Amino acid sequence: RKGKDLERVVLARAVRLHLQNRVLVYANRTVVFE
């Protein structure tokens, strides 16, 4: 249950950050401009 709760929130945050063009990928890493 706790794992599923985390998966919901973490995935939603990641999708939102991507859609807001806040993620820059380099060298298999990211900089996330929040």
Full PDB file with SEQRES, HELIX, SHEET, SSBOND, CRYST1, ORIGX, SCALE, CONECT and MASTER records, all heavy atoms in Angstrom:
SEQRES   1 A   34  ARG LYS GLY LYS ASP LEU GLU ARG VAL VAL LEU ALA ARG          
SEQRES   2 A   34  ALA VAL ARG LEU HIS LEU GLN ASN ARG VAL LEU VAL TYR          
SEQRES   3 A   34  ALA ASN ARG THR VAL VAL PHE GLU                              
HELIX    1 AA1 LYS A    2  LEU A   19  1                                  18    
SHEET    1 AA1 2 VAL A  23  TYR A  26  0                                        
SHEET    2 AA1 2 ARG A  29  VAL A  32 -1                                        
CRYST1    1.000    1.000    1.000  90.00  90.00  90.00 P 1           1          
ORIGX1      1.000000  0.000000  0.000000        0.00000                         
ORIGX2      0.000000  1.000000  0.000000        0.00000                         
ORIGX3      0.000000  0.000000  1.000000        0.00000                         
SCALE1      1.000000  0.000000  0.000000        0.00000                         
SCALE2      0.000000  1.000000  0.000000        0.00000                         
SCALE3      0.000000  0.000000  1.000000        0.00000                         
ATOM      1  N   ARG A   1       0.826  -1.206   0.000  1.00  0.00           N  
ATOM      2  CA  ARG A   1       0.000   0.000   0.000  1.00  0.00           C  
ATOM      3  C   ARG A   1       0.859   1.255   0.000  1.00  0.00           C  
ATOM      4  O   ARG A   1       0.619   2.189  -0.781  1.00  0.00           O  
ATOM      5  CB  ARG A   1      -0.924  -0.011   1.218  1.00  0.00           C  
ATOM      6  CG  ARG A   1      -1.706   1.288   1.427  1.00  0.00           C  
ATOM      7  CD  ARG A   1      -2.623   1.181   2.640  1.00  0.00           C  
ATOM      8  NE  ARG A   1      -1.912   0.756   3.829  1.00  0.00           N  
ATOM      9  CZ  ARG A   1      -1.174   1.561   4.588  1.00  0.00           C  
ATOM     10  NH1 ARG A   1      -1.033   2.849   4.259  1.00  0.00           N  
ATOM     11  NH2 ARG A   1      -0.573   1.111   5.679  1.00  0.00           N  
ATOM     12  N   LYS A   2       1.869   1.282   0.863  1.00  0.00           N  
ATOM     13  CA  LYS A   2       2.739   2.452   0.922  1.00  0.00           C  
ATOM     14  C   LYS A   2       3.540   2.607  -0.375  1.00  0.00           C  
ATOM     15  O   LYS A   2       3.762   3.727  -0.841  1.00  0.00           O  
ATOM     16  CB  LYS A   2       3.681   2.333   2.119  1.00  0.00           C  
ATOM     17  CG  LYS A   2       2.985   2.468   3.459  1.00  0.00           C  
ATOM     18  CD  LYS A   2       3.966   2.391   4.617  1.00  0.00           C  
ATOM     19  CE  LYS A   2       3.259   2.575   5.950  1.00  0.00           C  
ATOM     20  NZ  LYS A   2       4.189   2.569   7.100  1.00  0.00           N  
ATOM     21  N   GLY A   3       3.953   1.485  -0.947  1.00  0.00           N  
ATOM     22  CA  GLY A   3       4.676   1.540  -2.209  1.00  0.00           C  
ATOM     23  C   GLY A   3       3.828   2.098  -3.330  1.00  0.00           C  
ATOM     24  O   GLY A   3       4.295   2.920  -4.136  1.00  0.00           O  
ATOM     25  N   LYS A   4       2.568   1.674  -3.393  1.00  0.00           N  
ATOM     26  CA  LYS A   4       1.679   2.191  -4.435  1.00  0.00           C  
ATOM     27  C   LYS A   4       1.420   3.686  -4.256  1.00  0.00           C  
ATOM     28  O   LYS A   4       1.360   4.441  -5.235  1.00  0.00           O  
ATOM     29  CB  LYS A   4       0.357   1.418  -4.424  1.00  0.00           C  
ATOM     30  CG  LYS A   4       0.449   0.021  -5.008  1.00  0.00           C  
ATOM     31  CD  LYS A   4      -0.923  -0.642  -5.050  1.00  0.00           C  
ATOM     32  CE  LYS A   4      -0.858  -1.999  -5.743  1.00  0.00           C  
ATOM     33  NZ  LYS A   4      -2.186  -2.652  -5.814  1.00  0.00           N  
ATOM     34  N   ASP A   5       1.259   4.112  -3.001  1.00  0.00           N  
ATOM     35  CA  ASP A   5       1.074   5.544  -2.756  1.00  0.00           C  
ATOM     36  C   ASP A   5       2.262   6.343  -3.288  1.00  0.00           C  
ATOM     37  O   ASP A   5       2.093   7.387  -3.932  1.00  0.00           O  
ATOM     38  CB  ASP A   5       0.913   5.800  -1.256  1.00  0.00           C  
ATOM     39  CG  ASP A   5      -0.453   5.395  -0.729  1.00  0.00           C  
ATOM     40  OD1 ASP A   5      -1.366   5.176  -1.548  1.00  0.00           O  
ATOM     41  OD2 ASP A   5      -0.604   5.294   0.504  1.00  0.00           O  
ATOM     42  N   LEU A   6       3.463   5.853  -3.014  1.00  0.00           N  
ATOM     43  CA  LEU A   6       4.662   6.539  -3.494  1.00  0.00           C  
ATOM     44  C   LEU A   6       4.730   6.542  -5.008  1.00  0.00           C  
ATOM     45  O   LEU A   6       5.084   7.559  -5.624  1.00  0.00           O  
ATOM     46  CB  LEU A   6       5.915   5.870  -2.926  1.00  0.00           C  
ATOM     47  CG  LEU A   6       6.315   6.232  -1.499  1.00  0.00           C  
ATOM     48  CD1 LEU A   6       7.527   5.412  -1.081  1.00  0.00           C  
ATOM     49  CD2 LEU A   6       6.625   7.716  -1.372  1.00  0.00           C  
ATOM     50  N   GLU A   7       4.412   5.418  -5.625  1.00  0.00           N  
ATOM     51  CA  GLU A   7       4.475   5.341  -7.090  1.00  0.00           C  
ATOM     52  C   GLU A   7       3.540   6.345  -7.728  1.00  0.00           C  
ATOM     53  O   GLU A   7       3.897   6.996  -8.721  1.00  0.00           O  
ATOM     54  CB  GLU A   7       4.146   3.919  -7.547  1.00  0.00           C  
ATOM     55  CG  GLU A   7       5.257   2.928  -7.256  1.00  0.00           C  
ATOM     56  CD  GLU A   7       4.875   1.497  -7.554  1.00  0.00           C  
ATOM     57  OE1 GLU A   7       3.663   1.208  -7.702  1.00  0.00           O  
ATOM     58  OE2 GLU A   7       5.790   0.656  -7.643  1.00  0.00           O  
ATOM     59  N   ARG A   8       2.338   6.501  -7.175  1.00  0.00           N  
ATOM     60  CA  ARG A   8       1.393   7.490  -7.705  1.00  0.00           C  
ATOM     61  C   ARG A   8       1.998   8.890  -7.685  1.00  0.00           C  
ATOM     62  O   ARG A   8       2.002   9.604  -8.687  1.00  0.00           O  
ATOM     63  CB  ARG A   8       0.106   7.495  -6.875  1.00  0.00           C  
ATOM     64  CG  ARG A   8      -0.764   6.269  -6.974  1.00  0.00           C  
ATOM     65  CD  ARG A   8      -2.027   6.494  -6.163  1.00  0.00           C  
ATOM     66  NE  ARG A   8      -2.855   5.307  -6.094  1.00  0.00           N  
ATOM     67  CZ  ARG A   8      -2.880   4.474  -5.062  1.00  0.00           C  
ATOM     68  NH1 ARG A   8      -2.115   4.697  -4.007  1.00  0.00           N  
ATOM     69  NH2 ARG A   8      -3.674   3.411  -5.080  1.00  0.00           N  
ATOM     70  N   VAL A   9       2.487   9.277  -6.512  1.00  0.00           N  
ATOM     71  CA  VAL A   9       2.959  10.644  -6.323  1.00  0.00           C  
ATOM     72  C   VAL A   9       4.219  10.911  -7.137  1.00  0.00           C  
ATOM     73  O   VAL A   9       4.346  11.956  -7.798  1.00  0.00           O  
ATOM     74  CB  VAL A   9       3.209  10.905  -4.821  1.00  0.00           C  
ATOM     75  CG1 VAL A   9       3.880  12.273  -4.622  1.00  0.00           C  
ATOM     76  CG2 VAL A   9       1.897  10.852  -4.052  1.00  0.00           C  
ATOM     77  N   VAL A  10       5.164   9.984  -7.099  1.00  0.00           N  
ATOM     78  CA  VAL A  10       6.437  10.189  -7.793  1.00  0.00           C  
ATOM     79  C   VAL A  10       6.222  10.241  -9.301  1.00  0.00           C  
ATOM     80  O   VAL A  10       6.804  11.092  -9.993  1.00  0.00           O  
ATOM     81  CB  VAL A  10       7.435   9.083  -7.405  1.00  0.00           C  
ATOM     82  CG1 VAL A  10       8.666   9.123  -8.303  1.00  0.00           C  
ATOM     83  CG2 VAL A  10       7.849   9.235  -5.948  1.00  0.00           C  
ATOM     84  N   LEU A  11       5.385   9.364  -9.834  1.00  0.00           N  
ATOM     85  CA  LEU A  11       5.119   9.394 -11.268  1.00  0.00           C  
ATOM     86  C   LEU A  11       4.431  10.692 -11.667  1.00  0.00           C  
ATOM     87  O   LEU A  11       4.780  11.310 -12.682  1.00  0.00           O  
ATOM     88  CB  LEU A  11       4.262   8.195 -11.674  1.00  0.00           C  
ATOM     89  CG  LEU A  11       3.935   8.094 -13.166  1.00  0.00           C  
ATOM     90  CD1 LEU A  11       5.201   8.012 -14.008  1.00  0.00           C  
ATOM     91  CD2 LEU A  11       3.029   6.889 -13.443  1.00  0.00           C  
ATOM     92  N   ALA A  12       3.461  11.131 -10.871  1.00  0.00           N  
ATOM     93  CA  ALA A  12       2.763  12.380 -11.185  1.00  0.00           C  
ATOM     94  C   ALA A  12       3.721  13.561 -11.191  1.00  0.00           C  
ATOM     95  O   ALA A  12       3.663  14.432 -12.062  1.00  0.00           O  
ATOM     96  CB  ALA A  12       1.631  12.612 -10.182  1.00  0.00           C  
ATOM     97  N   ARG A  13       4.617  13.612 -10.206  1.00  0.00           N  
ATOM     98  CA  ARG A  13       5.596  14.706 -10.168  1.00  0.00           C  
ATOM     99  C   ARG A  13       6.479  14.685 -11.410  1.00  0.00           C  
ATOM    100  O   ARG A  13       6.752  15.724 -12.017  1.00  0.00           O  
ATOM    101  CB  ARG A  13       6.480  14.572  -8.929  1.00  0.00           C  
ATOM    102  CG  ARG A  13       5.803  14.873  -7.604  1.00  0.00           C  
ATOM    103  CD  ARG A  13       6.806  14.607  -6.482  1.00  0.00           C  
ATOM    104  NE  ARG A  13       6.216  14.661  -5.166  1.00  0.00           N  
ATOM    105  CZ  ARG A  13       6.789  14.139  -4.080  1.00  0.00           C  
ATOM    106  NH1 ARG A  13       7.964  13.519  -4.195  1.00  0.00           N  
ATOM    107  NH2 ARG A  13       6.205  14.226  -2.910  1.00  0.00           N  
ATOM    108  N   ALA A  14       6.938  13.495 -11.783  1.00  0.00           N  
ATOM    109  CA  ALA A  14       7.833  13.386 -12.935  1.00  0.00           C  
ATOM    110  C   ALA A  14       7.142  13.823 -14.216  1.00  0.00           C  
ATOM    111  O   ALA A  14       7.719  14.545 -15.036  1.00  0.00           O  
ATOM    112  CB  ALA A  14       8.340  11.952 -13.062  1.00  0.00           C  
ATOM    113  N   VAL A  15       5.908  13.383 -14.393  1.00  0.00           N  
ATOM    114  CA  VAL A  15       5.160  13.761 -15.596  1.00  0.00           C  
ATOM    115  C   VAL A  15       4.941  15.273 -15.623  1.00  0.00           C  
ATOM    116  O   VAL A  15       5.120  15.923 -16.663  1.00  0.00           O  
ATOM    117  CB  VAL A  15       3.824  13.008 -15.662  1.00  0.00           C  
ATOM    118  CG1 VAL A  15       2.945  13.557 -16.778  1.00  0.00           C  
ATOM    119  CG2 VAL A  15       4.063  11.516 -15.873  1.00  0.00           C  
ATOM    120  N   ARG A  16       4.590  15.838 -14.486  1.00  0.00           N  
ATOM    121  CA  ARG A  16       4.360  17.285 -14.444  1.00  0.00           C  
ATOM    122  C   ARG A  16       5.642  18.053 -14.761  1.00  0.00           C  
ATOM    123  O   ARG A  16       5.628  19.018 -15.535  1.00  0.00           O  
ATOM    124  CB  ARG A  16       3.838  17.686 -13.066  1.00  0.00           C  
ATOM    125  CG  ARG A  16       3.462  19.174 -12.981  1.00  0.00           C  
ATOM    126  CD  ARG A  16       3.011  19.579 -11.581  1.00  0.00           C  
ATOM    127  NE  ARG A  16       1.851  18.816 -11.157  1.00  0.00           N  
ATOM    128  CZ  ARG A  16       1.877  17.900 -10.186  1.00  0.00           C  
ATOM    129  NH1 ARG A  16       3.013  17.617  -9.566  1.00  0.00           N  
ATOM    130  NH2 ARG A  16       0.781  17.266  -9.857  1.00  0.00           N  
ATOM    131  N   LEU A  17       6.751  17.644 -14.180  1.00  0.00           N  
ATOM    132  CA  LEU A  17       8.022  18.323 -14.447  1.00  0.00           C  
ATOM    133  C   LEU A  17       8.392  18.242 -15.924  1.00  0.00           C  
ATOM    134  O   LEU A  17       8.875  19.216 -16.511  1.00  0.00           O  
ATOM    135  CB  LEU A  17       9.125  17.710 -13.588  1.00  0.00           C  
ATOM    136  CG  LEU A  17       9.053  18.014 -12.090  1.00  0.00           C  
ATOM    137  CD1 LEU A  17       9.970  17.074 -11.311  1.00  0.00           C  
ATOM    138  CD2 LEU A  17       9.408  19.466 -11.811  1.00  0.00           C  
ATOM    139  N   HIS A  18       8.162  17.076 -16.521  1.00  0.00           N  
ATOM    140  CA  HIS A  18       8.449  16.920 -17.954  1.00  0.00           C  
ATOM    141  C   HIS A  18       7.555  17.841 -18.783  1.00  0.00           C  
ATOM    142  O   HIS A  18       8.039  18.524 -19.697  1.00  0.00           O  
ATOM    143  CB  HIS A  18       8.249  15.467 -18.363  1.00  0.00           C  
ATOM    144  CG  HIS A  18       8.408  15.247 -19.831  1.00  0.00           C  
ATOM    145  ND1 HIS A  18       9.614  14.911 -20.414  1.00  0.00           N  
ATOM    146  CD2 HIS A  18       7.515  15.330 -20.860  1.00  0.00           C  
ATOM    147  CE1 HIS A  18       9.457  14.789 -21.712  1.00  0.00           C  
ATOM    148  NE2 HIS A  18       8.194  15.043 -22.013  1.00  0.00           N  
ATOM    149  N   LEU A  19       6.271  17.860 -18.462  1.00  0.00           N  
ATOM    150  CA  LEU A  19       5.337  18.667 -19.240  1.00  0.00           C  
ATOM    151  C   LEU A  19       5.608  20.159 -19.095  1.00  0.00           C  
ATOM    152  O   LEU A  19       5.316  20.946 -20.002  1.00  0.00           O  
ATOM    153  CB  LEU A  19       3.897  18.358 -18.821  1.00  0.00           C  
ATOM    154  CG  LEU A  19       3.397  16.944 -19.129  1.00  0.00           C  
ATOM    155  CD1 LEU A  19       2.006  16.740 -18.551  1.00  0.00           C  
ATOM    156  CD2 LEU A  19       3.394  16.678 -20.626  1.00  0.00           C  
ATOM    157  N   GLN A  20       6.167  20.547 -17.962  1.00  0.00           N  
ATOM    158  CA  GLN A  20       6.497  21.958 -17.747  1.00  0.00           C  
ATOM    159  C   GLN A  20       7.889  22.309 -18.280  1.00  0.00           C  
ATOM    160  O   GLN A  20       8.374  23.414 -18.066  1.00  0.00           O  
ATOM    161  CB  GLN A  20       6.425  22.281 -16.249  1.00  0.00           C  
ATOM    162  CG  GLN A  20       5.014  22.233 -15.696  1.00  0.00           C  
ATOM    163  CD  GLN A  20       4.976  22.482 -14.187  1.00  0.00           C  
ATOM    164  OE1 GLN A  20       5.989  22.374 -13.491  1.00  0.00           O  
ATOM    165  NE2 GLN A  20       3.805  22.808 -13.684  1.00  0.00           N  
ATOM    166  N   ASN A  21       8.515  21.346 -18.961  1.00  0.00           N  
ATOM    167  CA  ASN A  21       9.836  21.569 -19.575  1.00  0.00           C  
ATOM    168  C   ASN A  21      10.866  22.021 -18.540  1.00  0.00           C  
ATOM    169  O   ASN A  21      11.612  22.983 -18.738  1.00  0.00           O  
ATOM    170  CB  ASN A  21       9.723  22.610 -20.701  1.00  0.00           C  
ATOM    171  CG  ASN A  21       8.690  22.221 -21.730  1.00  0.00           C  
ATOM    172  OD1 ASN A  21       8.738  21.123 -22.281  1.00  0.00           O  
ATOM    173  ND2 ASN A  21       7.729  23.092 -21.978  1.00  0.00           N  
ATOM    174  N   ARG A  22      10.900  21.280 -17.431  1.00  0.00           N  
ATOM    175  CA  ARG A  22      11.821  21.603 -16.348  1.00  0.00           C  
ATOM    176  C   ARG A  22      12.955  20.590 -16.204  1.00  0.00           C  
ATOM    177  O   ARG A  22      13.753  20.690 -15.285  1.00  0.00           O  
ATOM    178  CB  ARG A  22      11.053  21.706 -15.020  1.00  0.00           C  
ATOM    179  CG  ARG A  22      10.034  22.835 -15.001  1.00  0.00           C  
ATOM    180  CD  ARG A  22       9.392  23.016 -13.643  1.00  0.00           C  
ATOM    181  NE  ARG A  22       8.439  24.116 -13.682  1.00  0.00           N  
ATOM    182  CZ  ARG A  22       8.765  25.398 -13.509  1.00  0.00           C  
ATOM    183  NH1 ARG A  22      10.034  25.728 -13.283  1.00  0.00           N  
ATOM    184  NH2 ARG A  22       7.845  26.338 -13.549  1.00  0.00           N  
ATOM    185  N   VAL A  23      13.010  19.617 -17.112  1.00  0.00           N  
ATOM    186  CA  VAL A  23      13.993  18.555 -16.983  1.00  0.00           C  
ATOM    187  C   VAL A  23      14.982  18.634 -18.143  1.00  0.00           C  
ATOM    188  O   VAL A  23      14.590  18.631 -19.310  1.00  0.00           O  
ATOM    189  CB  VAL A  23      13.315  17.166 -16.988  1.00  0.00           C  
ATOM    190  CG1 VAL A  23      14.354  16.077 -16.720  1.00  0.00           C  
ATOM    191  CG2 VAL A  23      12.192  17.104 -15.953  1.00  0.00           C  
ATOM    192  N   LEU A  24      16.261  18.681 -17.808  1.00  0.00           N  
ATOM    193  CA  LEU A  24      17.311  18.720 -18.819  1.00  0.00           C  
ATOM    194  C   LEU A  24      18.207  17.504 -18.598  1.00  0.00           C  
ATOM    195  O   LEU A  24      18.758  17.318 -17.515  1.00  0.00           O  
ATOM    196  CB  LEU A  24      18.109  20.020 -18.696  1.00  0.00           C  
ATOM    197  CG  LEU A  24      18.792  20.533 -19.964  1.00  0.00           C  
ATOM    198  CD1 LEU A  24      19.149  22.006 -19.811  1.00  0.00           C  
ATOM    199  CD2 LEU A  24      20.021  19.739 -20.307  1.00  0.00           C  
ATOM    200  N   VAL A  25      18.326  16.673 -19.625  1.00  0.00           N  
ATOM    201  CA  VAL A  25      19.068  15.416 -19.530  1.00  0.00           C  
ATOM    202  C   VAL A  25      20.468  15.593 -20.101  1.00  0.00           C  
ATOM    203  O   VAL A  25      20.637  16.185 -21.165  1.00  0.00           O  
ATOM    204  CB  VAL A  25      18.344  14.291 -20.287  1.00  0.00           C  
ATOM    205  CG1 VAL A  25      19.155  12.989 -20.230  1.00  0.00           C  
ATOM    206  CG2 VAL A  25      16.948  14.066 -19.711  1.00  0.00           C  
ATOM    207  N   TYR A  26      21.461  15.070 -19.368  1.00  0.00           N  
ATOM    208  CA  TYR A  26      22.824  15.027 -19.894  1.00  0.00           C  
ATOM    209  C   TYR A  26      23.569  13.897 -19.206  1.00  0.00           C  
ATOM    210  O   TYR A  26      23.383  13.647 -18.020  1.00  0.00           O  
ATOM    211  CB  TYR A  26      23.552  16.359 -19.676  1.00  0.00           C  
ATOM    212  CG  TYR A  26      23.978  16.622 -18.251  1.00  0.00           C  
ATOM    213  CD1 TYR A  26      25.316  16.486 -17.855  1.00  0.00           C  
ATOM    214  CD2 TYR A  26      23.050  16.990 -17.285  1.00  0.00           C  
ATOM    215  CE1 TYR A  26      25.708  16.726 -16.556  1.00  0.00           C  
ATOM    216  CE2 TYR A  26      23.433  17.232 -15.981  1.00  0.00           C  
ATOM    217  CZ  TYR A  26      24.766  17.095 -15.622  1.00  0.00           C  
ATOM    218  OH  TYR A  26      25.148  17.326 -14.326  1.00  0.00           O  
ATOM    219  N   ALA A  27      24.367  13.164 -19.962  1.00  0.00           N  
ATOM    220  CA  ALA A  27      25.238  12.111 -19.421  1.00  0.00           C  
ATOM    221  C   ALA A  27      24.484  11.145 -18.518  1.00  0.00           C  
ATOM    222  O   ALA A  27      24.964  10.761 -17.455  1.00  0.00           O  
ATOM    223  CB  ALA A  27      26.410  12.734 -18.669  1.00  0.00           C  
ATOM    224  N   ASN A  28      23.278  10.747 -18.950  1.00  0.00           N  
ATOM    225  CA  ASN A  28      22.420   9.826 -18.193  1.00  0.00           C  
ATOM    226  C   ASN A  28      22.044  10.373 -16.817  1.00  0.00           C  
ATOM    227  O   ASN A  28      21.755   9.622 -15.889  1.00  0.00           O  
ATOM    228  CB  ASN A  28      23.061   8.443 -18.036  1.00  0.00           C  
ATOM    229  CG  ASN A  28      22.006   7.365 -17.858  1.00  0.00           C  
ATOM    230  OD1 ASN A  28      21.011   7.327 -18.571  1.00  0.00           O  
ATOM    231  ND2 ASN A  28      22.212   6.475 -16.897  1.00  0.00           N  
ATOM    232  N   ARG A  29      22.072  11.681 -16.687  1.00  0.00           N  
ATOM    233  CA  ARG A  29      21.639  12.358 -15.473  1.00  0.00           C  
ATOM    234  C   ARG A  29      20.631  13.424 -15.858  1.00  0.00           C  
ATOM    235  O   ARG A  29      20.427  13.719 -17.045  1.00  0.00           O  
ATOM    236  CB  ARG A  29      22.831  13.013 -14.756  1.00  0.00           C  
ATOM    237  CG  ARG A  29      23.917  12.083 -14.355  1.00  0.00           C  
ATOM    238  CD  ARG A  29      25.055  12.824 -13.695  1.00  0.00           C  
ATOM    239  NE  ARG A  29      24.613  13.536 -12.495  1.00  0.00           N  
ATOM    240  CZ  ARG A  29      25.395  14.355 -11.782  1.00  0.00           C  
ATOM    241  NH1 ARG A  29      26.621  14.596 -12.187  1.00  0.00           N  
ATOM    242  NH2 ARG A  29      24.936  14.951 -10.707  1.00  0.00           N  
ATOM    243  N   THR A  30      20.007  14.020 -14.848  1.00  0.00           N  
ATOM    244  CA  THR A  30      19.093  15.128 -15.104  1.00  0.00           C  
ATOM    245  C   THR A  30      19.412  16.300 -14.191  1.00  0.00           C  
ATOM    246  O   THR A  30      19.896  16.133 -13.074  1.00  0.00           O  
ATOM    247  CB  THR A  30      17.627  14.736 -14.878  1.00  0.00           C  
ATOM    248  OG1 THR A  30      17.445  14.408 -13.486  1.00  0.00           O  
ATOM    249  CG2 THR A  30      17.204  13.589 -15.762  1.00  0.00           C  
ATOM    250  N   VAL A  31      19.146  17.481 -14.712  1.00  0.00           N  
ATOM    251  CA  VAL A  31      18.988  18.669 -13.886  1.00  0.00           C  
ATOM    252  C   VAL A  31      17.516  19.017 -13.943  1.00  0.00           C  
ATOM    253  O   VAL A  31      16.937  19.121 -15.023  1.00  0.00           O  
ATOM    254  CB  VAL A  31      19.845  19.836 -14.410  1.00  0.00           C  
ATOM    255  CG1 VAL A  31      19.453  21.141 -13.706  1.00  0.00           C  
ATOM    256  CG2 VAL A  31      21.310  19.562 -14.184  1.00  0.00           C  
ATOM    257  N   VAL A  32      16.899  19.161 -12.776  1.00  0.00           N  
ATOM    258  CA  VAL A  32      15.467  19.470 -12.705  1.00  0.00           C  
ATOM    259  C   VAL A  32      15.333  20.876 -12.144  1.00  0.00           C  
ATOM    260  O   VAL A  32      15.637  21.138 -10.977  1.00  0.00           O  
ATOM    261  CB  VAL A  32      14.718  18.450 -11.820  1.00  0.00           C  
ATOM    262  CG1 VAL A  32      13.230  18.815 -11.755  1.00  0.00           C  
ATOM    263  CG2 VAL A  32      14.901  17.039 -12.361  1.00  0.00           C  
ATOM    264  N   PHE A  33      14.868  21.785 -12.983  1.00  0.00           N  
ATOM    265  CA  PHE A  33      14.708  23.191 -12.588  1.00  0.00           C  
ATOM    266  C   PHE A  33      13.312  23.380 -12.010  1.00  0.00           C  
ATOM    267  O   PHE A  33      12.341  23.551 -12.738  1.00  0.00           O  
ATOM    268  CB  PHE A  33      14.912  24.115 -13.789  1.00  0.00           C  
ATOM    269  CG  PHE A  33      16.307  24.070 -14.364  1.00  0.00           C  
ATOM    270  CD1 PHE A  33      16.543  23.478 -15.594  1.00  0.00           C  
ATOM    271  CD2 PHE A  33      17.374  24.603 -13.668  1.00  0.00           C  
ATOM    272  CE1 PHE A  33      17.814  23.449 -16.135  1.00  0.00           C  
ATOM    273  CE2 PHE A  33      18.647  24.580 -14.198  1.00  0.00           C  
ATOM    274  CZ  PHE A  33      18.878  23.995 -15.425  1.00  0.00           C  
ATOM    275  N   GLU A  34      13.213  23.350 -10.692  1.00  0.00           N  
ATOM    276  CA  GLU A  34      11.894  23.479 -10.044  1.00  0.00           C  
ATOM    277  C   GLU A  34      11.653  24.925  -9.626  1.00  0.00           C  
ATOM    278  O   GLU A  34      12.558  25.715  -9.524  1.00  0.00           O  
ATOM    279  CB  GLU A  34      11.820  22.544  -8.839  1.00  0.00           C  
ATOM    280  CG  GLU A  34      11.925  21.072  -9.224  1.00  0.00           C  
ATOM    281  CD  GLU A  34      11.587  20.159  -8.078  1.00  0.00           C  
ATOM    282  OE1 GLU A  34      10.435  20.217  -7.602  1.00  0.00           O  
ATOM    283  OE2 GLU A  34      12.449  19.388  -7.654  1.00  0.00           O  
TER     284      GLU A  34                                                      
MASTER        0    0    0    1    2    0    0    6  283    1    0    3          
END                                                                             
